[in-house]
C-alpha atoms as a PDB file:
ATOM      1  CA  MET A   1       8.771  32.348   4.990  1.00  0.00           C
ATOM      2  CA  LEU A   2       6.842  29.081   5.303  1.00  0.00           C
ATOM      3  CA  LYS A   3       4.880  29.979   2.200  1.00  0.00           C
ATOM      4  CA  GLN A   4       8.147  30.297   0.271  1.00  0.00           C
ATOM      5  CA  VAL A   5       9.283  26.858   1.472  1.00  0.00           C
ATOM      6  CA  PHE A   6       6.122  25.189   0.148  1.00  0.00           C
ATOM      7  CA  PHE A   7       6.447  27.149  -3.076  1.00  0.00           C
ATOM      8  CA  ASP A   8      10.012  25.892  -3.528  1.00  0.00           C
ATOM      9  CA  LEU A   9       9.004  22.292  -2.787  1.00  0.00           C
ATOM     10  CA  ARG A  10       6.169  22.136  -5.339  1.00  0.00           C
ATOM     11  CA  VAL A  11       8.251  20.363  -7.997  1.00  0.00           C
ATOM     12  CA  PHE A  12       9.476  17.762  -5.512  1.00  0.00           C
ATOM     13  CA  MET A  13       5.961  17.203  -4.154  1.00  0.00           C
ATOM     14  CA  LEU A  14       4.636  16.688  -7.699  1.00  0.00           C
ATOM     15  CA  PHE A  15       7.381  14.143  -8.412  1.00  0.00           C
ATOM     16  CA  PHE A  16       6.809  12.408  -5.060  1.00  0.00           C
ATOM     17  CA  SER A  17       3.043  12.237  -5.694  1.00  0.00           C
ATOM     18  CA  ILE A  18       3.618  10.693  -9.117  1.00  0.00           C
ATOM     19  CA  LEU A  19       5.911   8.071  -7.575  1.00  0.00           C
ATOM     20  CA  LEU A  20       3.346   7.282  -4.876  1.00  0.00           C
ATOM     21  CA  LEU A  21       0.680   6.868  -7.535  1.00  0.00           C
ATOM     22  CA  MET A  22       2.845   4.618  -9.713  1.00  0.00           C
ATOM     23  CA  PHE A  23       3.861   2.299  -6.884  1.00  0.00           C
ATOM     24  CA  ALA A  24       0.277   2.132  -5.590  1.00  0.00           C
ATOM     25  CA  ILE A  25      -0.786   1.002  -9.063  1.00  0.00           C
ATOM     26  CA  ILE A  26       1.941  -1.654  -9.016  1.00  0.00           C
ATOM     27  CA  PHE A  27       0.742  -2.881  -5.622  1.00  0.00           C
ATOM     28  CA  SER A  28      -2.806  -3.005  -6.988  1.00  0.00           C
ATOM     29  CA  ILE A  29      -1.678  -5.097  -9.950  1.00  0.00           C
ATOM     30  CA  LEU A  30       0.195  -7.489  -7.646  1.00  0.00           C
ATOM     31  CA  ASP A  31      -2.858  -7.692  -5.328  1.00  0.00           C
ATOM     32  CA  ILE A  32      -0.765  -7.119  -2.239  1.00  0.00           C
ATOM     33  CA  GLY A  33      -3.116  -7.172   0.730  1.00  0.00           C
ATOM     34  CA  GLN A  34      -6.144  -8.318  -1.324  1.00  0.00           C
ATOM     35  CA  TYR A  35      -6.819 -11.487   0.647  1.00  0.00           C
ATOM     36  CA  GLU A  36     -10.514 -12.007  -0.077  1.00  0.00           C
ATOM     37  CA  PHE A  37     -10.147 -12.235  -3.873  1.00  0.00           C
ATOM     38  CA  SER A  38      -7.401 -14.860  -3.937  1.00  0.00           C
ATOM     39  CA  ASP A  39      -7.805 -18.238  -5.643  1.00  0.00           C
ATOM     40  CA  ASP A  40      -5.844 -19.943  -2.883  1.00  0.00           C
ATOM     41  CA  ASP A  41      -7.840 -21.078   0.152  1.00  0.00           C
ATOM     42  CA  ASN A  42      -4.872 -20.547   2.486  1.00  0.00           C
ATOM     43  CA  VAL A  43      -4.617 -16.893   1.451  1.00  0.00           C
ATOM     44  CA  ARG A  44      -8.366 -16.319   1.929  1.00  0.00           C
ATOM     45  CA  ASN A  45      -8.145 -17.883   5.392  1.00  0.00           C
ATOM     46  CA  VAL A  46      -5.715 -15.151   6.450  1.00  0.00           C
ATOM     47  CA  LEU A  47      -8.767 -12.935   7.056  1.00  0.00           C
ATOM     48  CA  LYS A  48      -9.955 -15.333   9.772  1.00  0.00           C
ATOM     49  CA  LEU A  49      -6.811 -14.809  11.826  1.00  0.00           C
ATOM     50  CA  THR A  50      -6.924 -12.438  14.779  1.00  0.00           C
ATOM     51  CA  SER A  51      -3.921 -10.455  13.556  1.00  0.00           C
ATOM     52  CA  PHE A  52      -2.575 -10.135  10.026  1.00  0.00           C
ATOM     53  CA  SER A  53      -0.720  -7.622   7.919  1.00  0.00           C
ATOM     54  CA  GLY A  54      -2.946  -4.885   6.525  1.00  0.00           C
ATOM     55  CA  GLN A  55      -5.901  -5.354   8.858  1.00  0.00           C
ATOM     56  CA  GLU A  56      -5.956  -1.636   9.590  1.00  0.00           C
ATOM     57  CA  TYR A  57      -6.939  -1.000   5.955  1.00  0.00           C
ATOM     58  CA  LEU A  58      -9.986  -3.276   5.713  1.00  0.00           C
ATOM     59  CA  GLN A  59     -12.556  -0.476   5.982  1.00  0.00           C
ATOM     60  CA  ILE A  60     -11.158   1.825   3.297  1.00  0.00           C
ATOM     61  CA  ASN A  61     -10.775   1.671  -0.469  1.00  0.00           C
ATOM     62  CA  LYS A  62      -8.144  -0.816  -1.697  1.00  0.00           C
ATOM     63  CA  PHE A  63      -6.338   1.730  -3.870  1.00  0.00           C
ATOM     64  CA  LEU A  64      -6.233   4.235  -1.006  1.00  0.00           C
ATOM     65  CA  SER A  65      -4.830   1.536   1.253  1.00  0.00           C
ATOM     66  CA  ASN A  66      -2.108   0.866  -1.338  1.00  0.00           C
ATOM     67  CA  MET A  67      -1.315   4.603  -1.450  1.00  0.00           C
ATOM     68  CA  ILE A  68      -0.980   4.671   2.340  1.00  0.00           C
ATOM     69  CA  THR A  69       1.167   1.522   2.277  1.00  0.00           C
ATOM     70  CA  VAL A  70       3.519   3.062  -0.291  1.00  0.00           C
ATOM     71  CA  TYR A  71       3.681   6.270   1.763  1.00  0.00           C
ATOM     72  CA  ARG A  72       4.544   4.264   4.894  1.00  0.00           C
ATOM     73  CA  ILE A  73       7.269   2.402   3.005  1.00  0.00           C
ATOM     74  CA  SER A  74       8.689   5.716   1.764  1.00  0.00           C
ATOM     75  CA  LEU A  75       8.914   6.892   5.381  1.00  0.00           C
ATOM     76  CA  GLY A  76      10.887   3.808   6.373  1.00  0.00           C
ATOM     77  CA  ASP A  77       8.173   1.498   7.753  1.00  0.00           C
ATOM     78  CA  PHE A  78       9.041  -1.641   5.791  1.00  0.00           C
ATOM     79  CA  ASP A  79       6.041  -3.857   6.555  1.00  0.00           C
ATOM     80  CA  PHE A  80       6.069  -6.468   3.793  1.00  0.00           C
ATOM     81  CA  GLY A  81       3.904  -8.971   5.681  1.00  0.00           C
ATOM     82  CA  ALA A  82       1.216  -8.930   2.993  1.00  0.00           C
ATOM     83  CA  SER A  83       3.720  -9.913   0.314  1.00  0.00           C
ATOM     84  CA  THR A  84       4.440 -13.227   2.068  1.00  0.00           C
ATOM     85  CA  VAL A  85       1.000 -14.591   1.115  1.00  0.00           C
ATOM     86  CA  LEU A  86       1.014 -13.664  -2.582  1.00  0.00           C
ATOM     87  CA  ASP A  87      -0.341 -16.243  -5.032  1.00  0.00           C
ATOM     88  CA  GLU A  88       2.258 -18.156  -6.982  1.00  0.00           C
ATOM     89  CA  PHE A  89       2.218 -17.660 -10.733  1.00  0.00           C
END
């Protein structure tokens, strides 16, 4: 019975995975949570704080951290703290 449920959900899971991938690419383009590569000194100094948004993702790949962030947002955890320190265009 459980095998049939996963079989029926395969199309949805493919669509959901594609959406996760697309939004993770968008986050990578926007450099959300990429503090160390910023041109602004104030944004780079965020890493020196004791607590900041996205500190749990410092030890893993940046794209994987964006995938996890998008997954968390899709589950309802709307943590947009990293978007408050984006560089101005």
